[in-house]
Amino acid sequence: MISHPLEIDYWNSSARIVGIDEAGRGPIAGPLVVAGVVFDKGYRNEEIDDSKKLSEKKRERLFEQIIEDAKAYEILVVCEQTIDALNIYRATQVAMEQIAKDLKGDLVLTDAMPLRNYDGSFVAVVKGDQKSLSIAAASILAKVTRDHWMFKLDAMHEEYGFKKHKGYPTKQHIENLSRYGVLDIHRKSYGPVKKQLEIKLF
């Protein structure tokens, strides 16, 4: 539970606050998902917390609650090719900048990401998903959306085990990458995938 949402400190001066977070910066396969959420001024929900602290069942339930309660929200799915072209940091930043522009907040709160091409007011909050209700809600939207995406990829490529590891470089995933090869959904700029492609060349 977020005991003192950062929004309380800002709502007096900023009526419309946008919280933005992402899921999927670390995996070597699958997309990056970035989400933004706007709640009505004074909104409270003591169950909303950093998505990493919640069970899958609770995230799924809160996902529906956030969609229902939010004044506005947006979810962007960033493909693997864009991640490879821009690098993961810049791909995350560009998606967050797009959401900030689309949701038109008086103040944007991000989880530690500066928005270099956004002209409005923003605060890059370190550990924002543990301090801000809106950022935490965005983290839930992003995480659940990405997990659902990985479940679909698992159904298409069952031998890789995406449902279990969600594309992260676990021992099982690395072994399966070596055994079955690199897919289009693997991020070619990431070390383990790049290494596998170099081995194939030889």
N, C-alpha and C. Protein backbone atom coordinates (compact mmCIF):
# COMPACT_ATOMS: atom_id res chain seq x y z
N MET A 1 0.84 -1.20 0.00
CA MET A 1 0.00 0.00 0.00
C MET A 1 0.88 1.25 0.00
N ILE A 2 0.54 2.22 -0.82
CA ILE A 2 1.25 3.50 -0.85
C ILE A 2 0.63 4.38 0.23
N SER A 3 1.37 4.57 1.32
CA SER A 3 0.80 5.24 2.50
C SER A 3 0.53 6.72 2.28
N HIS A 4 1.39 7.39 1.50
CA HIS A 4 1.20 8.82 1.24
C HIS A 4 1.47 9.08 -0.24
N PRO A 5 0.43 8.96 -1.08
CA PRO A 5 0.63 9.19 -2.50
C PRO A 5 1.23 10.56 -2.79
N LEU A 6 2.19 10.57 -3.67
CA LEU A 6 2.86 11.82 -4.05
C LEU A 6 1.86 12.84 -4.58
N GLU A 7 0.76 12.35 -5.17
CA GLU A 7 -0.25 13.24 -5.73
C GLU A 7 -0.81 14.21 -4.69
N ILE A 8 -0.89 13.79 -3.46
CA ILE A 8 -1.43 14.67 -2.41
C ILE A 8 -0.63 15.96 -2.32
N ASP A 9 0.68 15.86 -2.57
CA ASP A 9 1.55 17.03 -2.51
C ASP A 9 1.36 17.95 -3.71
N TYR A 10 0.79 17.42 -4.79
CA TYR A 10 0.71 18.19 -6.04
C TYR A 10 -0.71 18.59 -6.44
N TRP A 11 -1.74 17.90 -5.93
CA TRP A 11 -3.09 18.14 -6.41
C TRP A 11 -3.59 19.57 -6.18
N ASN A 12 -3.10 20.25 -5.15
CA ASN A 12 -3.54 21.62 -4.90
C ASN A 12 -3.16 22.56 -6.04
N SER A 13 -1.99 22.32 -6.62
CA SER A 13 -1.52 23.20 -7.68
C SER A 13 -1.70 22.61 -9.07
N SER A 14 -1.89 21.30 -9.16
CA SER A 14 -2.01 20.63 -10.46
C SER A 14 -3.22 19.71 -10.45
N ALA A 15 -4.29 20.17 -11.07
CA ALA A 15 -5.55 19.42 -11.00
C ALA A 15 -5.48 18.10 -11.75
N ARG A 16 -4.77 18.07 -12.87
CA ARG A 16 -4.70 16.87 -13.71
C ARG A 16 -3.28 16.31 -13.71
N ILE A 17 -3.09 15.21 -13.00
CA ILE A 17 -1.77 14.58 -12.88
C ILE A 17 -1.75 13.28 -13.67
N VAL A 18 -0.72 13.12 -14.49
CA VAL A 18 -0.52 11.90 -15.27
C VAL A 18 0.62 11.10 -14.64
N GLY A 19 0.36 9.84 -14.33
CA GLY A 19 1.41 8.94 -13.85
C GLY A 19 1.78 7.96 -14.95
N ILE A 20 3.08 7.79 -15.20
CA ILE A 20 3.55 6.93 -16.30
C ILE A 20 4.58 5.93 -15.80
N ASP A 21 4.45 4.68 -16.26
CA ASP A 21 5.43 3.65 -15.93
C ASP A 21 5.49 2.64 -17.06
N GLU A 22 6.43 1.71 -16.97
CA GLU A 22 6.63 0.71 -18.03
C GLU A 22 6.78 -0.68 -17.46
N ALA A 23 6.72 -1.65 -18.35
CA ALA A 23 7.03 -3.03 -18.01
C ALA A 23 7.79 -3.63 -19.18
N GLY A 24 8.88 -4.33 -18.87
CA GLY A 24 9.58 -5.04 -19.93
C GLY A 24 10.86 -4.43 -20.44
N ARG A 25 11.58 -3.70 -19.61
CA ARG A 25 12.88 -3.18 -20.06
C ARG A 25 13.96 -4.26 -20.05
N GLY A 26 13.85 -5.21 -19.12
CA GLY A 26 14.89 -6.21 -18.95
C GLY A 26 14.83 -7.46 -19.82
N PRO A 27 13.67 -7.87 -20.31
CA PRO A 27 13.58 -9.10 -21.10
C PRO A 27 14.38 -9.04 -22.40
N ILE A 28 14.72 -10.22 -22.91
CA ILE A 28 15.42 -10.31 -24.19
C ILE A 28 14.46 -10.68 -25.32
N ALA A 29 13.18 -10.86 -24.97
CA ALA A 29 12.16 -11.17 -25.98
C ALA A 29 10.86 -10.50 -25.60
N GLY A 30 10.07 -10.19 -26.62
CA GLY A 30 8.78 -9.56 -26.39
C GLY A 30 8.88 -8.04 -26.34
N PRO A 31 7.74 -7.37 -26.33
CA PRO A 31 7.71 -5.92 -26.40
C PRO A 31 7.96 -5.23 -25.06
N LEU A 32 8.16 -3.95 -25.14
CA LEU A 32 8.10 -3.05 -23.99
C LEU A 32 6.68 -2.49 -23.95
N VAL A 33 6.11 -2.37 -22.77
CA VAL A 33 4.78 -1.77 -22.64
C VAL A 33 4.86 -0.58 -21.71
N VAL A 34 4.34 0.55 -22.15
CA VAL A 34 4.35 1.78 -21.37
C VAL A 34 2.91 2.25 -21.19
N ALA A 35 2.56 2.65 -19.97
CA ALA A 35 1.18 3.05 -19.69
C ALA A 35 1.14 4.37 -18.92
N GLY A 36 0.07 5.10 -19.10
CA GLY A 36 -0.17 6.34 -18.37
C GLY A 36 -1.58 6.36 -17.81
N VAL A 37 -1.73 6.94 -16.63
CA VAL A 37 -3.04 6.97 -15.95
C VAL A 37 -3.30 8.36 -15.38
N VAL A 38 -4.54 8.82 -15.51
CA VAL A 38 -5.01 10.04 -14.88
C VAL A 38 -6.21 9.69 -14.00
N PHE A 39 -6.14 10.06 -12.72
CA PHE A 39 -7.27 9.88 -11.81
C PHE A 39 -7.88 11.24 -11.48
N ASP A 40 -9.14 11.22 -11.06
CA ASP A 40 -9.76 12.44 -10.56
C ASP A 40 -9.00 12.93 -9.33
N LYS A 41 -8.96 14.22 -9.17
CA LYS A 41 -8.29 14.82 -8.01
C LYS A 41 -8.84 14.25 -6.71
N GLY A 42 -7.94 13.78 -5.86
CA GLY A 42 -8.34 13.22 -4.58
C GLY A 42 -8.64 11.74 -4.59
N TYR A 43 -8.48 11.08 -5.74
CA TYR A 43 -8.77 9.65 -5.84
C TYR A 43 -7.89 8.84 -4.89
N ARG A 44 -8.48 7.85 -4.24
CA ARG A 44 -7.73 6.95 -3.35
C ARG A 44 -8.12 5.50 -3.64
N ASN A 45 -7.16 4.64 -3.55
CA ASN A 45 -7.40 3.20 -3.62
C ASN A 45 -6.22 2.55 -2.89
N GLU A 46 -6.47 2.06 -1.70
CA GLU A 46 -5.38 1.56 -0.85
C GLU A 46 -4.80 0.24 -1.34
N GLU A 47 -5.43 -0.39 -2.31
CA GLU A 47 -4.90 -1.65 -2.85
C GLU A 47 -3.85 -1.43 -3.93
N ILE A 48 -3.90 -0.29 -4.58
CA ILE A 48 -2.96 -0.03 -5.68
C ILE A 48 -1.56 0.16 -5.12
N ASP A 49 -0.62 -0.57 -5.71
CA ASP A 49 0.78 -0.51 -5.27
C ASP A 49 1.66 -0.87 -6.47
N ASP A 50 2.95 -0.77 -6.28
CA ASP A 50 3.92 -1.20 -7.27
C ASP A 50 3.54 -2.59 -7.76
N SER A 51 3.41 -2.78 -9.07
CA SER A 51 2.93 -4.05 -9.62
C SER A 51 3.79 -5.24 -9.20
N LYS A 52 5.07 -5.00 -8.97
CA LYS A 52 5.99 -6.09 -8.58
C LYS A 52 5.67 -6.63 -7.19
N LYS A 53 4.96 -5.86 -6.39
CA LYS A 53 4.62 -6.28 -5.02
C LYS A 53 3.29 -7.04 -4.96
N LEU A 54 2.59 -7.12 -6.07
CA LEU A 54 1.25 -7.70 -6.08
C LEU A 54 1.24 -9.07 -6.73
N SER A 55 0.32 -9.92 -6.29
CA SER A 55 0.15 -11.23 -6.92
C SER A 55 -0.47 -11.05 -8.30
N GLU A 56 -0.31 -12.05 -9.14
CA GLU A 56 -0.90 -11.99 -10.48
C GLU A 56 -2.41 -11.82 -10.40
N LYS A 57 -3.05 -12.54 -9.50
CA LYS A 57 -4.50 -12.46 -9.34
C LYS A 57 -4.94 -11.05 -8.95
N LYS A 58 -4.20 -10.43 -8.04
CA LYS A 58 -4.57 -9.08 -7.59
C LYS A 58 -4.30 -8.06 -8.69
N ARG A 59 -3.20 -8.23 -9.43
CA ARG A 59 -2.92 -7.32 -10.55
C ARG A 59 -4.05 -7.37 -11.58
N GLU A 60 -4.51 -8.57 -11.88
CA GLU A 60 -5.58 -8.74 -12.87
C GLU A 60 -6.85 -8.01 -12.42
N ARG A 61 -7.18 -8.15 -11.15
CA ARG A 61 -8.38 -7.50 -10.63
C ARG A 61 -8.23 -5.98 -10.61
N LEU A 62 -7.06 -5.51 -10.19
CA LEU A 62 -6.83 -4.07 -10.14
C LEU A 62 -6.74 -3.45 -11.53
N PHE A 63 -6.28 -4.22 -12.50
CA PHE A 63 -6.25 -3.76 -13.88
C PHE A 63 -7.66 -3.30 -14.30
N GLU A 64 -8.64 -4.16 -14.05
CA GLU A 64 -10.02 -3.83 -14.41
C GLU A 64 -10.54 -2.63 -13.62
N GLN A 65 -10.16 -2.56 -12.34
CA GLN A 65 -10.60 -1.46 -11.48
C GLN A 65 -10.01 -0.13 -11.94
N ILE A 66 -8.75 -0.14 -12.30
CA ILE A 66 -8.07 1.08 -12.76
C ILE A 66 -8.69 1.57 -14.06
N ILE A 67 -8.93 0.64 -15.00
CA ILE A 67 -9.56 1.01 -16.27
C ILE A 67 -10.93 1.67 -16.01
N GLU A 68 -11.66 1.12 -15.06
CA GLU A 68 -13.00 1.64 -14.74
C GLU A 68 -12.93 2.99 -14.04
N ASP A 69 -11.97 3.16 -13.13
CA ASP A 69 -11.92 4.37 -12.30
C ASP A 69 -11.16 5.53 -12.94
N ALA A 70 -10.26 5.23 -13.83
CA ALA A 70 -9.39 6.28 -14.38
C ALA A 70 -10.20 7.31 -15.17
N LYS A 71 -9.80 8.55 -15.01
CA LYS A 71 -10.38 9.63 -15.82
C LYS A 71 -9.91 9.49 -17.26
N ALA A 72 -8.65 9.04 -17.41
CA ALA A 72 -8.07 8.78 -18.73
C ALA A 72 -6.90 7.82 -18.55
N TYR A 73 -6.62 7.06 -19.59
CA TYR A 73 -5.44 6.20 -19.56
C TYR A 73 -4.99 5.91 -20.99
N GLU A 74 -3.76 5.47 -21.13
CA GLU A 74 -3.23 5.08 -22.44
C GLU A 74 -2.19 3.98 -22.23
N ILE A 75 -2.19 3.00 -23.13
CA ILE A 75 -1.22 1.91 -23.08
C ILE A 75 -0.56 1.80 -24.46
N LEU A 76 0.77 1.89 -24.50
CA LEU A 76 1.52 1.75 -25.75
C LEU A 76 2.37 0.49 -25.71
N VAL A 77 2.33 -0.28 -26.79
CA VAL A 77 3.16 -1.48 -26.93
C VAL A 77 4.27 -1.16 -27.93
N VAL A 78 5.52 -1.24 -27.48
CA VAL A 78 6.68 -0.89 -28.30
C VAL A 78 7.33 -2.18 -28.79
N CYS A 79 7.41 -2.36 -30.09
CA CYS A 79 7.89 -3.62 -30.66
C CYS A 79 9.40 -3.79 -30.48
N GLU A 80 9.84 -5.02 -30.66
CA GLU A 80 11.25 -5.38 -30.48
C GLU A 80 12.15 -4.65 -31.48
N GLN A 81 11.65 -4.45 -32.69
CA GLN A 81 12.46 -3.77 -33.71
C GLN A 81 12.73 -2.31 -33.34
N THR A 82 11.75 -1.67 -32.75
CA THR A 82 11.93 -0.28 -32.30
C THR A 82 12.92 -0.23 -31.14
N ILE A 83 12.83 -1.20 -30.23
CA ILE A 83 13.78 -1.28 -29.11
C ILE A 83 15.20 -1.42 -29.63
N ASP A 84 15.39 -2.30 -30.62
CA ASP A 84 16.73 -2.51 -31.19
C ASP A 84 17.23 -1.27 -31.92
N ALA A 85 16.32 -0.55 -32.58
CA ALA A 85 16.71 0.62 -33.36
C ALA A 85 17.09 1.80 -32.47
N LEU A 86 16.35 2.00 -31.38
CA LEU A 86 16.54 3.18 -30.54
C LEU A 86 17.42 2.92 -29.31
N ASN A 87 17.44 1.72 -28.80
CA ASN A 87 17.94 1.24 -27.50
C ASN A 87 16.79 1.35 -26.49
N ILE A 88 16.83 0.52 -25.48
CA ILE A 88 15.68 0.38 -24.59
C ILE A 88 15.39 1.67 -23.79
N TYR A 89 16.44 2.38 -23.41
CA TYR A 89 16.23 3.62 -22.65
C TYR A 89 15.47 4.64 -23.50
N ARG A 90 15.95 4.86 -24.71
CA ARG A 90 15.32 5.86 -25.57
C ARG A 90 13.93 5.41 -26.02
N ALA A 91 13.75 4.11 -26.26
CA ALA A 91 12.43 3.61 -26.65
C ALA A 91 11.42 3.86 -25.53
N THR A 92 11.85 3.65 -24.29
CA THR A 92 11.00 3.92 -23.13
C THR A 92 10.68 5.40 -23.04
N GLN A 93 11.69 6.22 -23.21
CA GLN A 93 11.54 7.67 -23.11
C GLN A 93 10.59 8.22 -24.17
N VAL A 94 10.75 7.76 -25.40
CA VAL A 94 9.89 8.23 -26.50
C VAL A 94 8.44 7.87 -26.23
N ALA A 95 8.19 6.63 -25.77
CA ALA A 95 6.82 6.21 -25.48
C ALA A 95 6.22 7.02 -24.33
N MET A 96 7.02 7.29 -23.30
CA MET A 96 6.54 8.09 -22.18
C MET A 96 6.24 9.52 -22.62
N GLU A 97 7.08 10.07 -23.49
CA GLU A 97 6.84 11.42 -24.01
C GLU A 97 5.55 11.47 -24.81
N GLN A 98 5.28 10.42 -25.58
CA GLN A 98 4.05 10.37 -26.38
C GLN A 98 2.82 10.34 -25.48
N ILE A 99 2.87 9.52 -24.44
CA ILE A 99 1.74 9.43 -23.51
C ILE A 99 1.55 10.76 -22.77
N ALA A 100 2.64 11.39 -22.36
CA ALA A 100 2.55 12.68 -21.67
C ALA A 100 1.85 13.71 -22.55
N LYS A 101 2.16 13.71 -23.85
CA LYS A 101 1.54 14.65 -24.78
C LYS A 101 0.07 14.30 -25.01
N ASP A 102 -0.22 13.00 -25.13
CA ASP A 102 -1.59 12.56 -25.43
C ASP A 102 -2.55 12.82 -24.27
N LEU A 103 -2.09 12.58 -23.04
CA LEU A 103 -2.98 12.69 -21.89
C LEU A 103 -3.08 14.11 -21.32
N LYS A 104 -2.21 15.01 -21.78
CA LYS A 104 -2.35 16.44 -21.51
C LYS A 104 -2.56 16.78 -20.02
N GLY A 105 -1.62 16.39 -19.21
CA GLY A 105 -1.71 16.70 -17.79
C GLY A 105 -1.13 18.05 -17.42
N ASP A 106 -1.55 18.57 -16.27
CA ASP A 106 -0.91 19.77 -15.73
C ASP A 106 0.49 19.43 -15.21
N LEU A 107 0.64 18.18 -14.77
CA LEU A 107 1.92 17.68 -14.26
C LEU A 107 2.03 16.20 -14.59
N VAL A 108 3.19 15.80 -15.08
CA VAL A 108 3.45 14.40 -15.40
C VAL A 108 4.45 13.84 -14.39
N LEU A 109 4.13 12.69 -13.82
CA LEU A 109 5.04 11.99 -12.91
C LEU A 109 5.48 10.70 -13.60
N THR A 110 6.79 10.51 -13.74
CA THR A 110 7.31 9.28 -14.33
C THR A 110 8.13 8.52 -13.30
N ASP A 111 8.30 7.24 -13.57
CA ASP A 111 9.14 6.43 -12.69
C ASP A 111 10.60 6.61 -13.10
N ALA A 112 11.19 7.69 -12.61
CA ALA A 112 12.63 7.98 -12.75
C ALA A 112 13.08 8.28 -14.19
N MET A 113 12.15 8.59 -15.08
CA MET A 113 12.54 8.86 -16.47
C MET A 113 12.35 10.33 -16.83
N PRO A 114 13.44 11.06 -17.13
CA PRO A 114 13.30 12.44 -17.61
C PRO A 114 12.71 12.46 -19.01
N LEU A 115 11.91 13.47 -19.31
CA LEU A 115 11.27 13.57 -20.63
C LEU A 115 11.90 14.73 -21.39
N ARG A 116 12.90 14.42 -22.17
CA ARG A 116 13.71 15.50 -22.78
C ARG A 116 12.97 16.23 -23.91
N ASN A 117 12.00 15.57 -24.55
CA ASN A 117 11.26 16.20 -25.64
C ASN A 117 9.80 16.47 -25.28
N TYR A 118 9.58 16.76 -24.01
CA TYR A 118 8.24 17.12 -23.54
C TYR A 118 8.30 18.51 -22.95
N ASP A 119 7.44 19.40 -23.43
CA ASP A 119 7.50 20.81 -23.04
C ASP A 119 6.76 21.13 -21.74
N GLY A 120 5.94 20.22 -21.27
CA GLY A 120 5.16 20.47 -20.06
C GLY A 120 5.94 20.21 -18.78
N SER A 121 5.26 20.34 -17.66
CA SER A 121 5.88 20.12 -16.35
C SER A 121 5.91 18.62 -16.05
N PHE A 122 7.05 18.15 -15.58
CA PHE A 122 7.15 16.74 -15.19
C PHE A 122 8.12 16.59 -14.03
N VAL A 123 7.97 15.50 -13.31
CA VAL A 123 8.90 15.13 -12.24
C VAL A 123 9.28 13.67 -12.46
N ALA A 124 10.59 13.40 -12.59
CA ALA A 124 11.09 12.03 -12.70
C ALA A 124 11.31 11.53 -11.27
N VAL A 125 10.42 10.69 -10.78
CA VAL A 125 10.41 10.28 -9.38
C VAL A 125 11.17 8.96 -9.21
N VAL A 126 12.24 8.99 -8.43
CA VAL A 126 12.98 7.77 -8.13
C VAL A 126 12.09 6.85 -7.29
N LYS A 127 11.99 5.60 -7.71
CA LYS A 127 11.07 4.63 -7.08
C LYS A 127 9.64 5.15 -7.09
N GLY A 128 9.27 5.76 -8.21
CA GLY A 128 7.96 6.38 -8.33
C GLY A 128 6.81 5.41 -8.15
N ASP A 129 7.00 4.14 -8.56
CA ASP A 129 5.91 3.17 -8.42
C ASP A 129 5.66 2.79 -6.97
N GLN A 130 6.54 3.24 -6.06
CA GLN A 130 6.34 3.01 -4.63
C GLN A 130 5.85 4.27 -3.90
N LYS A 131 5.81 5.40 -4.62
CA LYS A 131 5.47 6.67 -4.00
C LYS A 131 4.21 7.32 -4.58
N SER A 132 3.93 7.04 -5.83
CA SER A 132 2.82 7.69 -6.53
C SER A 132 1.73 6.70 -6.88
N LEU A 133 0.50 7.05 -6.53
CA LEU A 133 -0.66 6.22 -6.85
C LEU A 133 -0.82 6.07 -8.37
N SER A 134 -0.64 7.17 -9.09
CA SER A 134 -0.83 7.15 -10.55
C SER A 134 0.25 6.33 -11.24
N ILE A 135 1.49 6.47 -10.79
CA ILE A 135 2.59 5.68 -11.38
C ILE A 135 2.39 4.21 -11.09
N ALA A 136 2.01 3.89 -9.85
CA ALA A 136 1.75 2.49 -9.49
C ALA A 136 0.63 1.90 -10.34
N ALA A 137 -0.43 2.67 -10.54
CA ALA A 137 -1.54 2.21 -11.38
C ALA A 137 -1.06 1.98 -12.82
N ALA A 138 -0.22 2.88 -13.31
CA ALA A 138 0.34 2.71 -14.66
C ALA A 138 1.20 1.46 -14.73
N SER A 139 1.93 1.18 -13.66
CA SER A 139 2.78 -0.02 -13.64
C SER A 139 1.92 -1.29 -13.73
N ILE A 140 0.75 -1.27 -13.11
CA ILE A 140 -0.16 -2.42 -13.17
C ILE A 140 -0.72 -2.59 -14.59
N LEU A 141 -1.14 -1.49 -15.21
CA LEU A 141 -1.65 -1.57 -16.58
C LEU A 141 -0.58 -2.11 -17.52
N ALA A 142 0.65 -1.62 -17.36
CA ALA A 142 1.74 -2.04 -18.23
C ALA A 142 2.09 -3.51 -18.01
N LYS A 143 2.20 -3.92 -16.76
CA LYS A 143 2.59 -5.29 -16.42
C LYS A 143 1.56 -6.30 -16.89
N VAL A 144 0.29 -6.05 -16.61
CA VAL A 144 -0.76 -6.99 -17.00
C VAL A 144 -0.87 -7.09 -18.52
N THR A 145 -0.80 -5.95 -19.20
CA THR A 145 -0.85 -5.94 -20.66
C THR A 145 0.30 -6.75 -21.25
N ARG A 146 1.50 -6.55 -20.71
CA ARG A 146 2.66 -7.29 -21.24
C ARG A 146 2.55 -8.78 -20.95
N ASP A 147 2.11 -9.13 -19.75
CA ASP A 147 1.95 -10.55 -19.41
C ASP A 147 0.97 -11.23 -20.37
N HIS A 148 -0.13 -10.57 -20.68
CA HIS A 148 -1.10 -11.14 -21.62
C HIS A 148 -0.47 -11.33 -23.00
N TRP A 149 0.34 -10.37 -23.39
CA TRP A 149 1.04 -10.45 -24.68
C TRP A 149 1.97 -11.66 -24.70
N MET A 150 2.69 -11.88 -23.59
CA MET A 150 3.62 -13.00 -23.50
C MET A 150 2.89 -14.33 -23.46
N PHE A 151 1.69 -14.37 -22.88
CA PHE A 151 0.89 -15.60 -22.89
C PHE A 151 0.54 -15.98 -24.34
N LYS A 152 0.22 -14.97 -25.16
CA LYS A 152 -0.10 -15.24 -26.57
C LYS A 152 1.14 -15.75 -27.31
N LEU A 153 2.30 -15.15 -27.02
CA LEU A 153 3.54 -15.61 -27.65
C LEU A 153 3.88 -17.04 -27.20
N ASP A 154 3.55 -17.36 -25.95
CA ASP A 154 3.79 -18.70 -25.45
C ASP A 154 2.96 -19.72 -26.23
N ALA A 155 1.72 -19.37 -26.54
CA ALA A 155 0.86 -20.28 -27.30
C ALA A 155 1.39 -20.51 -28.71
N MET A 156 2.10 -19.51 -29.25
CA MET A 156 2.66 -19.62 -30.59
C MET A 156 4.01 -20.35 -30.60
N HIS A 157 4.74 -20.26 -29.47
CA HIS A 157 6.08 -20.84 -29.39
C HIS A 157 6.23 -21.55 -28.04
N GLU A 158 5.50 -22.62 -27.84
CA GLU A 158 5.43 -23.28 -26.54
C GLU A 158 6.79 -23.78 -26.05
N GLU A 159 7.67 -24.13 -26.98
CA GLU A 159 8.96 -24.70 -26.59
C GLU A 159 9.87 -23.70 -25.87
N TYR A 160 9.58 -22.41 -26.00
CA TYR A 160 10.45 -21.40 -25.39
C TYR A 160 10.08 -21.09 -23.93
N GLY A 161 8.87 -21.41 -23.51
CA GLY A 161 8.47 -21.19 -22.12
C GLY A 161 8.17 -19.76 -21.75
N PHE A 162 7.66 -18.97 -22.71
CA PHE A 162 7.41 -17.55 -22.45
C PHE A 162 6.40 -17.30 -21.33
N LYS A 163 5.44 -18.22 -21.17
CA LYS A 163 4.44 -18.04 -20.12
C LYS A 163 5.09 -18.04 -18.73
N LYS A 164 6.18 -18.78 -18.61
CA LYS A 164 6.85 -18.90 -17.32
C LYS A 164 7.83 -17.74 -17.07
N HIS A 165 8.69 -17.45 -18.03
CA HIS A 165 9.75 -16.46 -17.79
C HIS A 165 9.48 -15.09 -18.40
N LYS A 166 8.39 -14.97 -19.17
CA LYS A 166 7.96 -13.68 -19.75
C LYS A 166 9.03 -13.01 -20.62
N GLY A 167 9.96 -13.80 -21.14
CA GLY A 167 10.99 -13.24 -22.01
C GLY A 167 12.25 -12.80 -21.31
N TYR A 168 12.29 -12.90 -19.99
CA TYR A 168 13.50 -12.54 -19.25
C TYR A 168 14.59 -13.59 -19.48
N PRO A 169 15.85 -13.22 -19.36
CA PRO A 169 16.95 -14.13 -19.66
C PRO A 169 17.23 -15.15 -18.54
N THR A 170 16.26 -15.98 -18.25
CA THR A 170 16.45 -17.04 -17.26
C THR A 170 17.32 -18.15 -17.87
N LYS A 171 17.77 -19.05 -17.02
CA LYS A 171 18.57 -20.18 -17.49
C LYS A 171 17.80 -20.99 -18.53
N GLN A 172 16.52 -21.24 -18.25
CA GLN A 172 15.68 -21.99 -19.18
C GLN A 172 15.57 -21.28 -20.52
N HIS A 173 15.37 -19.97 -20.48
CA HIS A 173 15.21 -19.22 -21.72
C HIS A 173 16.49 -19.25 -22.54
N ILE A 174 17.62 -19.06 -21.90
CA ILE A 174 18.91 -19.08 -22.61
C ILE A 174 19.15 -20.45 -23.23
N GLU A 175 18.83 -21.51 -22.50
CA GLU A 175 19.00 -22.87 -23.02
C GLU A 175 18.09 -23.10 -24.23
N ASN A 176 16.85 -22.63 -24.14
CA ASN A 176 15.92 -22.81 -25.25
C ASN A 176 16.29 -21.93 -26.44
N LEU A 177 16.86 -20.78 -26.18
CA LEU A 177 17.35 -19.91 -27.24
C LEU A 177 18.45 -20.61 -28.03
N SER A 178 19.35 -21.28 -27.30
CA SER A 178 20.43 -22.03 -27.93
C SER A 178 19.91 -23.25 -28.69
N ARG A 179 18.89 -23.89 -28.12
CA ARG A 179 18.36 -25.13 -28.70
C ARG A 179 17.50 -24.86 -29.94
N TYR A 180 16.64 -23.84 -29.86
CA TYR A 180 15.66 -23.62 -30.92
C TYR A 180 15.95 -22.41 -31.81
N GLY A 181 16.89 -21.58 -31.40
CA GLY A 181 17.26 -20.45 -32.24
C GLY A 181 16.55 -19.15 -31.90
N VAL A 182 16.94 -18.10 -32.59
CA VAL A 182 16.44 -16.75 -32.36
C VAL A 182 15.15 -16.52 -33.17
N LEU A 183 14.14 -15.98 -32.50
CA LEU A 183 12.87 -15.65 -33.14
C LEU A 183 12.83 -14.16 -33.50
N ASP A 184 11.85 -13.79 -34.31
CA ASP A 184 11.66 -12.37 -34.65
C ASP A 184 11.35 -11.54 -33.41
N ILE A 185 10.76 -12.17 -32.40
CA ILE A 185 10.37 -11.44 -31.18
C ILE A 185 11.53 -11.31 -30.18
N HIS A 186 12.69 -11.84 -30.51
CA HIS A 186 13.87 -11.63 -29.67
C HIS A 186 14.51 -10.29 -30.00
N ARG A 187 15.05 -9.64 -28.99
CA ARG A 187 15.68 -8.33 -29.16
C ARG A 187 17.14 -8.55 -29.57
N LYS A 188 17.43 -8.25 -30.84
CA LYS A 188 18.73 -8.58 -31.44
C LYS A 188 19.90 -7.80 -30.84
N SER A 189 19.60 -6.67 -30.20
CA SER A 189 20.67 -5.84 -29.62
C SER A 189 21.04 -6.27 -28.21
N TYR A 190 20.31 -7.21 -27.63
CA TYR A 190 20.57 -7.66 -26.27
C TYR A 190 21.63 -8.78 -26.27
N GLY A 191 22.53 -8.74 -25.30
CA GLY A 191 23.70 -9.61 -25.25
C GLY A 191 23.47 -11.08 -25.55
N PRO A 192 22.59 -11.78 -24.82
CA PRO A 192 22.40 -13.21 -25.06
C PRO A 192 21.92 -13.54 -26.47
N VAL A 193 21.06 -12.66 -27.02
CA VAL A 193 20.55 -12.88 -28.38
C VAL A 193 21.66 -12.59 -29.39
N LYS A 194 22.39 -11.50 -29.18
CA LYS A 194 23.49 -11.14 -30.06
C LYS A 194 24.54 -12.26 -30.09
N LYS A 195 24.82 -12.81 -28.94
CA LYS A 195 25.79 -13.92 -28.83
C LYS A 195 25.32 -15.13 -29.63
N GLN A 196 24.05 -15.46 -29.52
CA GLN A 196 23.49 -16.59 -30.24
C GLN A 196 23.56 -16.37 -31.76
N LEU A 197 23.31 -15.15 -32.19
CA LEU A 197 23.38 -14.83 -33.63
C LEU A 197 24.82 -14.94 -34.12
N GLU A 198 25.78 -14.53 -33.29
CA GLU A 198 27.20 -14.63 -33.67
C GLU A 198 27.63 -16.09 -33.77
N ILE A 199 27.15 -16.93 -32.87
CA ILE A 199 27.46 -18.36 -32.92
C ILE A 199 26.93 -18.97 -34.21
N LYS A 200 25.73 -18.55 -34.60
CA LYS A 200 25.10 -19.07 -35.82
C LYS A 200 25.93 -18.72 -37.04
N LEU A 201 26.54 -17.54 -37.03
CA LEU A 201 27.36 -17.10 -38.16
C LEU A 201 28.55 -18.03 -38.39
N PHE A 202 29.09 -18.54 -37.30
CA PHE A 202 30.24 -19.45 -37.39
C PHE A 202 29.77 -20.86 -37.74
